[in-house]
Protein backbone atom coordinates (compact mmCIF):
# COMPACT_ATOMS: atom_id res chain seq x y z
CA MET A 1 0.23 0.17 0.02
CA ALA A 2 1.20 3.20 -1.20
CA ASP A 3 2.16 6.02 1.49
CA LEU A 4 -0.67 8.07 1.81
CA VAL A 5 0.91 11.04 3.83
CA GLY A 6 3.74 11.39 1.66
CA THR A 7 1.30 11.27 -1.41
CA LEU A 8 -0.88 14.03 0.12
CA GLN A 9 2.30 16.02 0.92
CA GLY A 10 3.37 15.84 -2.47
CA TYR A 11 -0.06 16.54 -3.95
CA PHE A 12 -0.33 19.80 -1.39
CA SER A 13 3.18 20.88 -2.31
CA ALA A 14 2.45 20.68 -6.29
CA ILE A 15 -0.94 22.63 -5.69
CA LEU A 16 0.88 25.14 -3.82
CA GLN A 17 4.23 25.48 -5.93
CA ASN A 18 2.18 26.32 -9.40
CA PRO A 19 -0.60 29.26 -8.88
CA VAL A 20 -2.96 27.57 -12.30
CA TYR A 21 -3.21 24.22 -9.89
CA LEU A 22 -4.15 26.56 -6.87
CA LEU A 23 -6.71 28.17 -8.96
CA LEU A 24 -8.01 25.03 -10.75
CA ALA A 25 -8.48 23.20 -6.93
CA VAL A 26 -10.02 26.35 -5.38
CA GLY A 27 -12.50 26.39 -8.90
CA PHE A 28 -13.04 22.53 -8.09
CA VAL A 29 -13.97 22.79 -4.53
CA ALA A 30 -16.15 26.09 -5.40
CA LEU A 31 -17.93 24.14 -8.22
CA LEU A 32 -18.39 20.95 -6.08
CA MET A 33 -20.28 23.56 -3.29
CA LEU A 34 -22.34 25.09 -5.73
CA ILE A 35 -23.50 21.62 -6.73
CA VAL A 36 -24.58 20.68 -3.40
CA VAL A 37 -26.35 23.75 -2.88
CA LEU A 38 -28.25 23.45 -5.97
CA HIS A 39 -29.05 19.99 -5.65
CA ARG A 40 -30.44 20.98 -1.70
CA ILE A 41 -32.43 23.70 -3.23
CA HIS A 42 -33.90 21.45 -5.48
CA LYS A 43 -34.82 19.03 -3.12
CA ILE A 44 -36.50 21.39 -1.12
CA HIS A 45 -38.32 22.83 -4.02
CA SER A 46 -39.60 19.40 -4.95
CA GLU A 47 -40.99 18.80 -1.49
CA ASP A 48 -45.14 19.34 -0.91
CA ILE A 49 -46.03 22.36 1.13
CA PHE A 50 -46.64 21.91 4.42
CA ILE A 51 -49.87 23.86 5.57
CA HIS A 52 -50.46 23.72 9.29
CA GLN A 53 -54.05 22.50 9.98
CA ALA A 54 -54.57 25.41 12.37
CA TRP A 55 -53.33 27.83 9.30
CA GLY A 56 -55.12 25.92 6.42
CA ALA A 57 -58.45 28.08 6.71
CA LYS A 58 -56.40 31.06 5.66
CA TYR A 59 -54.04 29.42 3.22
CA LYS A 60 -55.20 30.94 -0.59
CA GLY A 61 -52.40 28.91 -2.18
CA ARG A 62 -50.12 31.37 -3.03
């Protein structure tokens, strides 16, 4: 099995030495975060609207 700590150190040193790699890594992390947020928003919008029974008479469907 490969040395995990040595592999990670080499990866991070390569990223920090080259600004293009650093920008790509930051962009990739930002893209992943955006995808997770958009997926969560879509999941929330696709749920049925919950109306409390006491408020049901006042709900006008807006």
